[in-house]
Amino acid sequence: MSIAADNAASNYVRPEGPLCLSGPLARPEPGQLPLRGDLAHIALAGTHLAAHYVIPTLAKISEKDVTLKLAPVADGEDHCVLEAGSAVEVLDIAGDWVWLCSGAEGPAGYCLTSDLA
């Protein structure tokens, strides 16, 4: 797996000043947004609460379409399919699994590191 040296920071404006979350939001469906309890995409910092926010690293899906999973396990629920060669944003890598998204608006899910070009 090779991940682009440039990260996606130039594509997103980092929040400045105090962040305040004013009122409840409907919880998004799993995989809808790049949001977990422990991590979220930096672009969601002003609207969604997470323990940490990630500036993503750019990558591409390899030569074949990839089905994203909702959990980092082989028998996890299928979420959506990303086409071969699609640009993605890597948010977390743990073992053989990558948590990634198509952008700050999602979708987000897990695939194997070997699924990246």
PDB file of N, CA and C in Angstrom:
ATOM      1  N   MET A   1       0.849  -1.168   0.000  1.00  0.00           N
ATOM      2  CA  MET A   1       0.000   0.000   0.000  1.00  0.00           C
ATOM      3  C   MET A   1       0.891   1.227   0.000  1.00  0.00           C
ATOM      4  N   SER A   2       0.612   2.155  -0.885  1.00  0.00           N
ATOM      5  CA  SER A   2       1.319   3.427  -0.817  1.00  0.00           C
ATOM      6  C   SER A   2       0.289   4.527  -0.680  1.00  0.00           C
ATOM      7  N   ILE A   3       0.525   5.395   0.254  1.00  0.00           N
ATOM      8  CA  ILE A   3      -0.394   6.502   0.513  1.00  0.00           C
ATOM      9  C   ILE A   3       0.284   7.771   0.043  1.00  0.00           C
ATOM     10  N   ALA A   4      -0.458   8.615  -0.642  1.00  0.00           N
ATOM     11  CA  ALA A   4       0.095   9.861  -1.164  1.00  0.00           C
ATOM     12  C   ALA A   4       0.777  10.649  -0.059  1.00  0.00           C
ATOM     13  N   ALA A   5       1.915  11.240  -0.396  1.00  0.00           N
ATOM     14  CA  ALA A   5       2.670  11.991   0.607  1.00  0.00           C
ATOM     15  C   ALA A   5       1.898  13.221   1.063  1.00  0.00           C
ATOM     16  N   ASP A   6       1.151  13.813   0.162  1.00  0.00           N
ATOM     17  CA  ASP A   6       0.357  14.983   0.541  1.00  0.00           C
ATOM     18  C   ASP A   6      -0.861  14.516   1.307  1.00  0.00           C
ATOM     19  N   ASN A   7      -1.261  15.266   2.293  1.00  0.00           N
ATOM     20  CA  ASN A   7      -2.507  14.910   2.956  1.00  0.00           C
ATOM     21  C   ASN A   7      -3.609  15.833   2.476  1.00  0.00           C
ATOM     22  N   ALA A   8      -4.791  15.575   2.925  1.00  0.00           N
ATOM     23  CA  ALA A   8      -5.955  16.314   2.442  1.00  0.00           C
ATOM     24  C   ALA A   8      -6.170  17.620   3.192  1.00  0.00           C
ATOM     25  N   ALA A   9      -5.224  18.023   4.022  1.00  0.00           N
ATOM     26  CA  ALA A   9      -5.413  19.221   4.841  1.00  0.00           C
ATOM     27  C   ALA A   9      -5.689  20.454   3.996  1.00  0.00           C
ATOM     28  N   SER A  10      -5.105  20.529   2.813  1.00  0.00           N
ATOM     29  CA  SER A  10      -5.302  21.717   1.998  1.00  0.00           C
ATOM     30  C   SER A  10      -6.726  21.813   1.455  1.00  0.00           C
ATOM     31  N   ASN A  11      -7.473  20.717   1.505  1.00  0.00           N
ATOM     32  CA  ASN A  11      -8.840  20.716   0.995  1.00  0.00           C
ATOM     33  C   ASN A  11      -9.872  21.118   2.031  1.00  0.00           C
ATOM     34  N   TYR A  12      -9.467  21.222   3.298  1.00  0.00           N
ATOM     35  CA  TYR A  12     -10.406  21.516   4.366  1.00  0.00           C
ATOM     36  C   TYR A  12      -9.905  22.685   5.193  1.00  0.00           C
ATOM     37  N   VAL A  13     -10.834  23.479   5.634  1.00  0.00           N
ATOM     38  CA  VAL A  13     -10.495  24.609   6.490  1.00  0.00           C
ATOM     39  C   VAL A  13     -10.533  24.132   7.929  1.00  0.00           C
ATOM     40  N   ARG A  14      -9.440  24.304   8.638  1.00  0.00           N
ATOM     41  CA  ARG A  14      -9.414  23.934  10.045  1.00  0.00           C
ATOM     42  C   ARG A  14     -10.246  24.934  10.823  1.00  0.00           C
ATOM     43  N   PRO A  15     -11.046  24.444  11.752  1.00  0.00           N
ATOM     44  CA  PRO A  15     -11.868  25.359  12.549  1.00  0.00           C
ATOM     45  C   PRO A  15     -10.985  26.301  13.365  1.00  0.00           C
ATOM     46  N   GLU A  16     -11.403  27.541  13.460  1.00  0.00           N
ATOM     47  CA  GLU A  16     -10.677  28.525  14.268  1.00  0.00           C
ATOM     48  C   GLU A  16     -11.606  29.056  15.344  1.00  0.00           C
ATOM     49  N   GLY A  17     -11.003  29.532  16.423  1.00  0.00           N
ATOM     50  CA  GLY A  17     -11.801  30.082  17.516  1.00  0.00           C
ATOM     51  C   GLY A  17     -12.490  28.983  18.286  1.00  0.00           C
ATOM     52  N   PRO A  18     -13.319  29.374  19.226  1.00  0.00           N
ATOM     53  CA  PRO A  18     -14.000  28.375  20.061  1.00  0.00           C
ATOM     54  C   PRO A  18     -15.035  27.600  19.247  1.00  0.00           C
ATOM     55  N   LEU A  19     -15.079  26.306  19.501  1.00  0.00           N
ATOM     56  CA  LEU A  19     -16.087  25.460  18.877  1.00  0.00           C
ATOM     57  C   LEU A  19     -17.185  25.223  19.894  1.00  0.00           C
ATOM     58  N   CYS A  20     -18.409  25.372  19.478  1.00  0.00           N
ATOM     59  CA  CYS A  20     -19.494  25.075  20.402  1.00  0.00           C
ATOM     60  C   CYS A  20     -20.539  24.252  19.664  1.00  0.00           C
ATOM     61  N   LEU A  21     -20.990  23.263  20.338  1.00  0.00           N
ATOM     62  CA  LEU A  21     -22.032  22.407  19.795  1.00  0.00           C
ATOM     63  C   LEU A  21     -23.334  22.847  20.449  1.00  0.00           C
ATOM     64  N   SER A  22     -24.225  23.364  19.644  1.00  0.00           N
ATOM     65  CA  SER A  22     -25.432  23.974  20.204  1.00  0.00           C
ATOM     66  C   SER A  22     -26.658  23.130  19.900  1.00  0.00           C
ATOM     67  N   GLY A  23     -26.923  22.200  20.773  1.00  0.00           N
ATOM     68  CA  GLY A  23     -28.138  21.416  20.634  1.00  0.00           C
ATOM     69  C   GLY A  23     -27.896  20.048  20.061  1.00  0.00           C
ATOM     70  N   PRO A  24     -28.876  19.192  20.198  1.00  0.00           N
ATOM     71  CA  PRO A  24     -28.733  17.814  19.730  1.00  0.00           C
ATOM     72  C   PRO A  24     -28.833  17.713  18.207  1.00  0.00           C
ATOM     73  N   LEU A  25     -28.142  16.729  17.673  1.00  0.00           N
ATOM     74  CA  LEU A  25     -28.233  16.382  16.258  1.00  0.00           C
ATOM     75  C   LEU A  25     -28.720  14.952  16.156  1.00  0.00           C
ATOM     76  N   ALA A  26     -29.393  14.656  15.084  1.00  0.00           N
ATOM     77  CA  ALA A  26     -29.767  13.263  14.844  1.00  0.00           C
ATOM     78  C   ALA A  26     -28.499  12.466  14.584  1.00  0.00           C
ATOM     79  N   ARG A  27     -28.396  11.301  15.209  1.00  0.00           N
ATOM     80  CA  ARG A  27     -27.221  10.449  15.016  1.00  0.00           C
ATOM     81  C   ARG A  27     -27.257   9.909  13.588  1.00  0.00           C
ATOM     82  N   PRO A  28     -26.161  10.089  12.829  1.00  0.00           N
ATOM     83  CA  PRO A  28     -26.147   9.565  11.464  1.00  0.00           C
ATOM     84  C   PRO A  28     -26.128   8.032  11.460  1.00  0.00           C
ATOM     85  N   GLU A  29     -26.621   7.457  10.397  1.00  0.00           N
ATOM     86  CA  GLU A  29     -26.576   6.008  10.225  1.00  0.00           C
ATOM     87  C   GLU A  29     -25.119   5.562  10.161  1.00  0.00           C
ATOM     88  N   PRO A  30     -24.800   4.364  10.626  1.00  0.00           N
ATOM     89  CA  PRO A  30     -23.422   3.870  10.541  1.00  0.00           C
ATOM     90  C   PRO A  30     -22.889   3.951   9.107  1.00  0.00           C
ATOM     91  N   GLY A  31     -21.690   4.483   8.972  1.00  0.00           N
ATOM     92  CA  GLY A  31     -21.059   4.592   7.668  1.00  0.00           C
ATOM     93  C   GLY A  31     -21.480   5.790   6.843  1.00  0.00           C
ATOM     94  N   GLN A  32     -22.472   6.530   7.292  1.00  0.00           N
ATOM     95  CA  GLN A  32     -22.946   7.694   6.536  1.00  0.00           C
ATOM     96  C   GLN A  32     -21.907   8.802   6.534  1.00  0.00           C
ATOM     97  N   LEU A  33     -21.308   9.069   7.691  1.00  0.00           N
ATOM     98  CA  LEU A  33     -20.280  10.105   7.840  1.00  0.00           C
ATOM     99  C   LEU A  33     -19.007   9.486   8.399  1.00  0.00           C
ATOM    100  N   PRO A  34     -17.845  10.104   8.161  1.00  0.00           N
ATOM    101  CA  PRO A  34     -16.602   9.639   8.773  1.00  0.00           C
ATOM    102  C   PRO A  34     -16.551  10.047  10.245  1.00  0.00           C
ATOM    103  N   LEU A  35     -17.337   9.354  11.055  1.00  0.00           N
ATOM    104  CA  LEU A  35     -17.533   9.698  12.453  1.00  0.00           C
ATOM    105  C   LEU A  35     -17.647   8.418  13.271  1.00  0.00           C
ATOM    106  N   ARG A  36     -16.757   8.282  14.250  1.00  0.00           N
ATOM    107  CA  ARG A  36     -16.829   7.195  15.227  1.00  0.00           C
ATOM    108  C   ARG A  36     -16.832   7.855  16.598  1.00  0.00           C
ATOM    109  N   GLY A  37     -16.993   7.101  17.639  1.00  0.00           N
ATOM    110  CA  GLY A  37     -16.954   7.678  18.978  1.00  0.00           C
ATOM    111  C   GLY A  37     -15.588   8.235  19.331  1.00  0.00           C
ATOM    112  N   ASP A  38     -14.533   7.602  18.810  1.00  0.00           N
ATOM    113  CA  ASP A  38     -13.179   8.015  19.151  1.00  0.00           C
ATOM    114  C   ASP A  38     -12.543   8.944  18.125  1.00  0.00           C
ATOM    115  N   LEU A  39     -12.973   8.891  16.880  1.00  0.00           N
ATOM    116  CA  LEU A  39     -12.366   9.683  15.800  1.00  0.00           C
ATOM    117  C   LEU A  39     -13.429  10.249  14.877  1.00  0.00           C
ATOM    118  N   ALA A  40     -13.081  11.393  14.285  1.00  0.00           N
ATOM    119  CA  ALA A  40     -13.941  11.966  13.253  1.00  0.00           C
ATOM    120  C   ALA A  40     -13.072  12.749  12.278  1.00  0.00           C
ATOM    121  N   HIS A  41     -13.554  12.910  11.090  1.00  0.00           N
ATOM    122  CA  HIS A  41     -12.901  13.724  10.065  1.00  0.00           C
ATOM    123  C   HIS A  41     -12.805  15.160  10.564  1.00  0.00           C
ATOM    124  N   ILE A  42     -11.711  15.836  10.298  1.00  0.00           N
ATOM    125  CA  ILE A  42     -11.492  17.213  10.772  1.00  0.00           C
ATOM    126  C   ILE A  42     -12.606  18.154  10.310  1.00  0.00           C
ATOM    127  N   ALA A  43     -13.185  17.890   9.161  1.00  0.00           N
ATOM    128  CA  ALA A  43     -14.236  18.775   8.645  1.00  0.00           C
ATOM    129  C   ALA A  43     -15.512  18.716   9.488  1.00  0.00           C
ATOM    130  N   LEU A  44     -15.630  17.707  10.347  1.00  0.00           N
ATOM    131  CA  LEU A  44     -16.819  17.577  11.194  1.00  0.00           C
ATOM    132  C   LEU A  44     -16.635  18.211  12.566  1.00  0.00           C
ATOM    133  N   ALA A  45     -15.475  18.812  12.811  1.00  0.00           N
ATOM    134  CA  ALA A  45     -15.161  19.342  14.146  1.00  0.00           C
ATOM    135  C   ALA A  45     -16.153  20.389  14.634  1.00  0.00           C
ATOM    136  N   GLY A  46     -16.725  21.162  13.767  1.00  0.00           N
ATOM    137  CA  GLY A  46     -17.649  22.199  14.184  1.00  0.00           C
ATOM    138  C   GLY A  46     -19.076  21.726  14.381  1.00  0.00           C
ATOM    139  N   THR A  47     -19.352  20.476  13.982  1.00  0.00           N
ATOM    140  CA  THR A  47     -20.738  20.004  14.035  1.00  0.00           C
ATOM    141  C   THR A  47     -20.947  18.707  14.793  1.00  0.00           C
ATOM    142  N   HIS A  48     -19.896  17.916  14.949  1.00  0.00           N
ATOM    143  CA  HIS A  48     -20.035  16.609  15.603  1.00  0.00           C
ATOM    144  C   HIS A  48     -18.936  16.435  16.645  1.00  0.00           C
ATOM    145  N   LEU A  49     -19.301  15.850  17.765  1.00  0.00           N
ATOM    146  CA  LEU A  49     -18.371  15.653  18.858  1.00  0.00           C
ATOM    147  C   LEU A  49     -17.679  14.294  18.753  1.00  0.00           C
ATOM    148  N   ALA A  50     -16.359  14.307  18.867  1.00  0.00           N
ATOM    149  CA  ALA A  50     -15.556  13.081  18.913  1.00  0.00           C
ATOM    150  C   ALA A  50     -14.372  13.349  19.828  1.00  0.00           C
ATOM    151  N   ALA A  51     -13.764  12.289  20.330  1.00  0.00           N
ATOM    152  CA  ALA A  51     -12.609  12.450  21.211  1.00  0.00           C
ATOM    153  C   ALA A  51     -11.419  13.065  20.471  1.00  0.00           C
ATOM    154  N   HIS A  52     -11.259  12.719  19.188  1.00  0.00           N
ATOM    155  CA  HIS A  52     -10.143  13.220  18.388  1.00  0.00           C
ATOM    156  C   HIS A  52     -10.628  13.470  16.963  1.00  0.00           C
ATOM    157  N   TYR A  53      -9.983  14.410  16.301  1.00  0.00           N
ATOM    158  CA  TYR A  53     -10.293  14.714  14.904  1.00  0.00           C
ATOM    159  C   TYR A  53      -9.060  14.416  14.067  1.00  0.00           C
ATOM    160  N   VAL A  54      -9.265  13.871  12.874  1.00  0.00           N
ATOM    161  CA  VAL A  54      -8.186  13.407  12.018  1.00  0.00           C
ATOM    162  C   VAL A  54      -8.124  14.235  10.742  1.00  0.00           C
ATOM    163  N   ILE A  55      -6.904  14.657  10.396  1.00  0.00           N
ATOM    164  CA  ILE A  55      -6.662  15.224   9.072  1.00  0.00           C
ATOM    165  C   ILE A  55      -6.322  14.038   8.180  1.00  0.00           C
ATOM    166  N   PRO A  56      -7.141  13.739   7.187  1.00  0.00           N
ATOM    167  CA  PRO A  56      -6.953  12.512   6.416  1.00  0.00           C
ATOM    168  C   PRO A  56      -5.733  12.558   5.504  1.00  0.00           C
ATOM    169  N   THR A  57      -5.304  11.358   5.115  1.00  0.00           N
ATOM    170  CA  THR A  57      -4.238  11.173   4.136  1.00  0.00           C
ATOM    171  C   THR A  57      -4.872  10.634   2.864  1.00  0.00           C
ATOM    172  N   LEU A  58      -4.465  11.162   1.731  1.00  0.00           N
ATOM    173  CA  LEU A  58      -5.048  10.747   0.455  1.00  0.00           C
ATOM    174  C   LEU A  58      -4.495   9.403   0.007  1.00  0.00           C
ATOM    175  N   ALA A  59      -5.361   8.607  -0.597  1.00  0.00           N
ATOM    176  CA  ALA A  59      -4.987   7.313  -1.168  1.00  0.00           C
ATOM    177  C   ALA A  59      -5.949   7.007  -2.306  1.00  0.00           C
ATOM    178  N   LYS A  60      -5.738   5.860  -2.955  1.00  0.00           N
ATOM    179  CA  LYS A  60      -6.629   5.415  -4.031  1.00  0.00           C
ATOM    180  C   LYS A  60      -6.968   3.949  -3.829  1.00  0.00           C
ATOM    181  N   ILE A  61      -8.166   3.591  -4.268  1.00  0.00           N
ATOM    182  CA  ILE A  61      -8.573   2.191  -4.291  1.00  0.00           C
ATOM    183  C   ILE A  61      -7.779   1.502  -5.401  1.00  0.00           C
ATOM    184  N   SER A  62      -7.403   0.246  -5.192  1.00  0.00           N
ATOM    185  CA  SER A  62      -6.588  -0.483  -6.163  1.00  0.00           C
ATOM    186  C   SER A  62      -7.347  -0.769  -7.452  1.00  0.00           C
ATOM    187  N   GLU A  63      -6.926  -1.778  -8.172  1.00  0.00           N
ATOM    188  CA  GLU A  63      -7.431  -2.084  -9.519  1.00  0.00           C
ATOM    189  C   GLU A  63      -8.803  -2.732  -9.552  1.00  0.00           C
ATOM    190  N   LYS A  64      -9.353  -3.078  -8.403  1.00  0.00           N
ATOM    191  CA  LYS A  64     -10.676  -3.703  -8.387  1.00  0.00           C
ATOM    192  C   LYS A  64     -11.589  -2.967  -7.422  1.00  0.00           C
ATOM    193  N   ASP A  65     -12.887  -3.028  -7.699  1.00  0.00           N
ATOM    194  CA  ASP A  65     -13.861  -2.403  -6.805  1.00  0.00           C
ATOM    195  C   ASP A  65     -13.733  -3.007  -5.406  1.00  0.00           C
ATOM    196  N   VAL A  66     -14.027  -2.188  -4.381  1.00  0.00           N
ATOM    197  CA  VAL A  66     -13.906  -2.624  -2.996  1.00  0.00           C
ATOM    198  C   VAL A  66     -15.231  -2.393  -2.273  1.00  0.00           C
ATOM    199  N   THR A  67     -15.651  -3.392  -1.524  1.00  0.00           N
ATOM    200  CA  THR A  67     -16.840  -3.264  -0.685  1.00  0.00           C
ATOM    201  C   THR A  67     -16.397  -2.841   0.710  1.00  0.00           C
ATOM    202  N   LEU A  68     -16.840  -1.663   1.136  1.00  0.00           N
ATOM    203  CA  LEU A  68     -16.519  -1.207   2.487  1.00  0.00           C
ATOM    204  C   LEU A  68     -17.391  -1.948   3.491  1.00  0.00           C
ATOM    205  N   LYS A  69     -16.812  -2.228   4.646  1.00  0.00           N
ATOM    206  CA  LYS A  69     -17.495  -2.891   5.748  1.00  0.00           C
ATOM    207  C   LYS A  69     -17.809  -1.865   6.831  1.00  0.00           C
ATOM    208  N   LEU A  70     -18.825  -2.144   7.641  1.00  0.00           N
ATOM    209  CA  LEU A  70     -19.154  -1.267   8.764  1.00  0.00           C
ATOM    210  C   LEU A  70     -18.295  -1.553   9.992  1.00  0.00           C
ATOM    211  N   ALA A  71     -17.618  -2.700  10.005  1.00  0.00           N
ATOM    212  CA  ALA A  71     -16.717  -3.062  11.104  1.00  0.00           C
ATOM    213  C   ALA A  71     -15.467  -3.696  10.497  1.00  0.00           C
ATOM    214  N   PRO A  72     -14.333  -3.596  11.175  1.00  0.00           N
ATOM    215  CA  PRO A  72     -13.084  -4.124  10.623  1.00  0.00           C
ATOM    216  C   PRO A  72     -12.932  -5.637  10.843  1.00  0.00           C
ATOM    217  N   VAL A  73     -13.866  -6.389  10.308  1.00  0.00           N
ATOM    218  CA  VAL A  73     -13.827  -7.851  10.364  1.00  0.00           C
ATOM    219  C   VAL A  73     -14.312  -8.392   9.019  1.00  0.00           C
ATOM    220  N   ALA A  74     -13.767  -9.536   8.619  1.00  0.00           N
ATOM    221  CA  ALA A  74     -14.087 -10.097   7.305  1.00  0.00           C
ATOM    222  C   ALA A  74     -15.577 -10.384   7.129  1.00  0.00           C
ATOM    223  N   ASP A  75     -16.250 -10.795   8.210  1.00  0.00           N
ATOM    224  CA  ASP A  75     -17.675 -11.104   8.088  1.00  0.00           C
ATOM    225  C   ASP A  75     -18.562  -9.935   8.515  1.00  0.00           C
ATOM    226  N   GLY A  76     -17.975  -8.725   8.571  1.00  0.00           N
ATOM    227  CA  GLY A  76     -18.749  -7.537   8.921  1.00  0.00           C
ATOM    228  C   GLY A  76     -19.780  -7.199   7.859  1.00  0.00           C
ATOM    229  N   GLU A  77     -20.757  -6.422   8.264  1.00  0.00           N
ATOM    230  CA  GLU A  77     -21.828  -6.024   7.352  1.00  0.00           C
ATOM    231  C   GLU A  77     -21.281  -5.160   6.211  1.00  0.00           C
ATOM    232  N   ASP A  78     -21.648  -5.524   4.971  1.00  0.00           N
ATOM    233  CA  ASP A  78     -21.262  -4.730   3.800  1.00  0.00           C
ATOM    234  C   ASP A  78     -21.987  -3.390   3.849  1.00  0.00           C
ATOM    235  N   HIS A  79     -21.265  -2.344   3.458  1.00  0.00           N
ATOM    236  CA  HIS A  79     -21.854  -1.000   3.503  1.00  0.00           C
ATOM    237  C   HIS A  79     -22.066  -0.428   2.110  1.00  0.00           C
ATOM    238  N   CYS A  80     -21.005  -0.269   1.359  1.00  0.00           N
ATOM    239  CA  CYS A  80     -21.110   0.296   0.018  1.00  0.00           C
ATOM    240  C   CYS A  80     -19.909  -0.148  -0.799  1.00  0.00           C
ATOM    241  N   VAL A  81     -19.954   0.116  -2.085  1.00  0.00           N
ATOM    242  CA  VAL A  81     -18.866  -0.274  -2.980  1.00  0.00           C
ATOM    243  C   VAL A  81     -18.193   0.985  -3.511  1.00  0.00           C
ATOM    244  N   LEU A  82     -16.860   0.999  -3.442  1.00  0.00           N
ATOM    245  CA  LEU A  82     -16.072   2.073  -4.050  1.00  0.00           C
ATOM    246  C   LEU A  82     -15.417   1.522  -5.303  1.00  0.00           C
ATOM    247  N   GLU A  83     -15.496   2.271  -6.389  1.00  0.00           N
ATOM    248  CA  GLU A  83     -14.961   1.811  -7.663  1.00  0.00           C
ATOM    249  C   GLU A  83     -13.439   1.824  -7.677  1.00  0.00           C
ATOM    250  N   ALA A  84     -12.881   0.926  -8.469  1.00  0.00           N
ATOM    251  CA  ALA A  84     -11.432   0.851  -8.643  1.00  0.00           C
ATOM    252  C   ALA A  84     -10.890   2.214  -9.051  1.00  0.00           C
ATOM    253  N   GLY A  85      -9.777   2.607  -8.453  1.00  0.00           N
ATOM    254  CA  GLY A  85      -9.132   3.875  -8.784  1.00  0.00           C
ATOM    255  C   GLY A  85      -9.725   5.095  -8.103  1.00  0.00           C
ATOM    256  N   SER A  86     -10.777   4.913  -7.316  1.00  0.00           N
ATOM    257  CA  SER A  86     -11.411   6.047  -6.624  1.00  0.00           C
ATOM    258  C   SER A  86     -10.450   6.670  -5.614  1.00  0.00           C
ATOM    259  N   ALA A  87     -10.481   7.989  -5.528  1.00  0.00           N
ATOM    260  CA  ALA A  87      -9.718   8.696  -4.507  1.00  0.00           C
ATOM    261  C   ALA A  87     -10.437   8.537  -3.172  1.00  0.00           C
ATOM    262  N   VAL A  88      -9.676   8.266  -2.112  1.00  0.00           N
ATOM    263  CA  VAL A  88     -10.241   8.113  -0.774  1.00  0.00           C
ATOM    264  C   VAL A  88      -9.365   8.861   0.222  1.00  0.00           C
ATOM    265  N   GLU A  89      -9.898   9.038   1.423  1.00  0.00           N
ATOM    266  CA  GLU A  89      -9.179   9.690   2.508  1.00  0.00           C
ATOM    267  C   GLU A  89      -9.039   8.714   3.669  1.00  0.00           C
ATOM    268  N   VAL A  90      -7.794   8.377   3.989  1.00  0.00           N
ATOM    269  CA  VAL A  90      -7.515   7.430   5.059  1.00  0.00           C
ATOM    270  C   VAL A  90      -7.535   8.163   6.390  1.00  0.00           C
ATOM    271  N   LEU A  91      -8.312   7.621   7.334  1.00  0.00           N
ATOM    272  CA  LEU A  91      -8.468   8.241   8.648  1.00  0.00           C
ATOM    273  C   LEU A  91      -7.789   7.443   9.757  1.00  0.00           C
ATOM    274  N   ASP A  92      -7.697   6.128   9.604  1.00  0.00           N
ATOM    275  CA  ASP A  92      -7.097   5.288  10.648  1.00  0.00           C
ATOM    276  C   ASP A  92      -6.665   3.967  10.035  1.00  0.00           C
ATOM    277  N   ILE A  93      -5.538   3.443  10.518  1.00  0.00           N
ATOM    278  CA  ILE A  93      -5.048   2.132  10.110  1.00  0.00           C
ATOM    279  C   ILE A  93      -4.781   1.335  11.378  1.00  0.00           C
ATOM    280  N   ALA A  94      -5.346   0.137  11.441  1.00  0.00           N
ATOM    281  CA  ALA A  94      -5.129  -0.753  12.579  1.00  0.00           C
ATOM    282  C   ALA A  94      -4.958  -2.171  12.050  1.00  0.00           C
ATOM    283  N   GLY A  95      -3.742  -2.684  12.144  1.00  0.00           N
ATOM    284  CA  GLY A  95      -3.466  -4.014  11.610  1.00  0.00           C
ATOM    285  C   GLY A  95      -3.653  -4.029  10.108  1.00  0.00           C
ATOM    286  N   ASP A  96      -4.452  -4.969   9.616  1.00  0.00           N
ATOM    287  CA  ASP A  96      -4.701  -5.098   8.175  1.00  0.00           C
ATOM    288  C   ASP A  96      -5.862  -4.243   7.690  1.00  0.00           C
ATOM    289  N   TRP A  97      -6.497  -3.495   8.604  1.00  0.00           N
ATOM    290  CA  TRP A  97      -7.709  -2.757   8.251  1.00  0.00           C
ATOM    291  C   TRP A  97      -7.466  -1.256   8.202  1.00  0.00           C
ATOM    292  N   VAL A  98      -8.151  -0.609   7.261  1.00  0.00           N
ATOM    293  CA  VAL A  98      -8.089   0.841   7.081  1.00  0.00           C
ATOM    294  C   VAL A  98      -9.501   1.392   7.232  1.00  0.00           C
ATOM    295  N   TRP A  99      -9.644   2.456   8.025  1.00  0.00           N
ATOM    296  CA  TRP A  99     -10.916   3.178   8.085  1.00  0.00           C
ATOM    297  C   TRP A  99     -10.753   4.371   7.173  1.00  0.00           C
ATOM    298  N   LEU A 100     -11.627   4.502   6.195  1.00  0.00           N
ATOM    299  CA  LEU A 100     -11.486   5.560   5.197  1.00  0.00           C
ATOM    300  C   LEU A 100     -12.843   6.098   4.791  1.00  0.00           C
ATOM    301  N   CYS A 101     -12.790   7.161   4.001  1.00  0.00           N
ATOM    302  CA  CYS A 101     -14.030   7.764   3.508  1.00  0.00           C
ATOM    303  C   CYS A 101     -13.782   8.326   2.118  1.00  0.00           C
ATOM    304  N   SER A 102     -14.879   8.624   1.435  1.00  0.00           N
ATOM    305  CA  SER A 102     -14.781   9.274   0.126  1.00  0.00           C
ATOM    306  C   SER A 102     -14.622  10.774   0.256  1.00  0.00           C
ATOM    307  N   GLY A 103     -14.916  11.312   1.411  1.00  0.00           N
ATOM    308  CA  GLY A 103     -14.822  12.740   1.704  1.00  0.00           C
ATOM    309  C   GLY A 103     -15.519  13.010   3.013  1.00  0.00           C
ATOM    310  N   ALA A 104     -15.547  14.259   3.419  1.00  0.00           N
ATOM    311  CA  ALA A 104     -16.127  14.615   4.715  1.00  0.00           C
ATOM    312  C   ALA A 104     -17.614  14.293   4.802  1.00  0.00           C
ATOM    313  N   GLU A 105     -18.285  14.167   3.678  1.00  0.00           N
ATOM    314  CA  GLU A 105     -19.710  13.847   3.673  1.00  0.00           C
ATOM    315  C   GLU A 105     -19.960  12.349   3.601  1.00  0.00           C
ATOM    316  N   GLY A 106     -18.883  11.549   3.581  1.00  0.00           N
ATOM    317  CA  GLY A 106     -19.003  10.101   3.515  1.00  0.00           C
ATOM    318  C   GLY A 106     -19.134   9.606   2.095  1.00  0.00           C
ATOM    319  N   PRO A 107     -19.390   8.344   1.952  1.00  0.00           N
ATOM    320  CA  PRO A 107     -19.524   7.342   2.984  1.00  0.00           C
ATOM    321  C   PRO A 107     -18.181   6.974   3.610  1.00  0.00           C
ATOM    322  N   ALA A 108     -18.235   6.288   4.737  1.00  0.00           N
ATOM    323  CA  ALA A 108     -17.046   5.840   5.437  1.00  0.00           C
ATOM    324  C   ALA A 108     -17.190   4.370   5.769  1.00  0.00           C
ATOM    325  N   GLY A 109     -16.063   3.692   5.850  1.00  0.00           N
ATOM    326  CA  GLY A 109     -16.097   2.271   6.185  1.00  0.00           C
ATOM    327  C   GLY A 109     -14.696   1.710   6.234  1.00  0.00           C
ATOM    328  N   TYR A 110     -14.628   0.398   6.356  1.00  0.00           N
ATOM    329  CA  TYR A 110     -13.364  -0.311   6.498  1.00  0.00           C
ATOM    330  C   TYR A 110     -13.084  -1.181   5.280  1.00  0.00           C
ATOM    331  N   CYS A 111     -11.811  -1.256   4.910  1.00  0.00           N
ATOM    332  CA  CYS A 111     -11.346  -2.194   3.915  1.00  0.00           C
ATOM    333  C   CYS A 111      -9.959  -2.669   4.333  1.00  0.00           C
ATOM    334  N   LEU A 112      -9.450  -3.662   3.658  1.00  0.00           N
ATOM    335  CA  LEU A 112      -8.109  -4.154   3.948  1.00  0.00           C
ATOM    336  C   LEU A 112      -7.067  -3.219   3.352  1.00  0.00           C
ATOM    337  N   THR A 113      -5.909  -3.137   3.987  1.00  0.00           N
ATOM    338  CA  THR A 113      -4.837  -2.294   3.450  1.00  0.00           C
ATOM    339  C   THR A 113      -4.456  -2.729   2.049  1.00  0.00           C
ATOM    340  N   SER A 114      -4.578  -4.013   1.750  1.00  0.00           N
ATOM    341  CA  SER A 114      -4.249  -4.524   0.415  1.00  0.00           C
ATOM    342  C   SER A 114      -5.220  -4.036  -0.664  1.00  0.00           C
ATOM    343  N   ASP A 115      -6.355  -3.451  -0.273  1.00  0.00           N
ATOM    344  CA  ASP A 115      -7.321  -2.917  -1.233  1.00  0.00           C
ATOM    345  C   ASP A 115      -6.934  -1.533  -1.744  1.00  0.00           C
ATOM    346  N   LEU A 116      -5.869  -0.957  -1.173  1.00  0.00           N
ATOM    347  CA  LEU A 116      -5.409   0.358  -1.616  1.00  0.00           C
ATOM    348  C   LEU A 116      -4.245   0.205  -2.579  1.00  0.00           C
ATOM    349  N   ALA A 117      -4.188   1.145  -3.541  1.00  0.00           N
ATOM    350  CA  ALA A 117      -3.104   1.110  -4.535  1.00  0.00           C
ATOM    351  C   ALA A 117      -1.805   1.571  -3.914  1.00  0.00           C
TER     352      ALA A 117
END
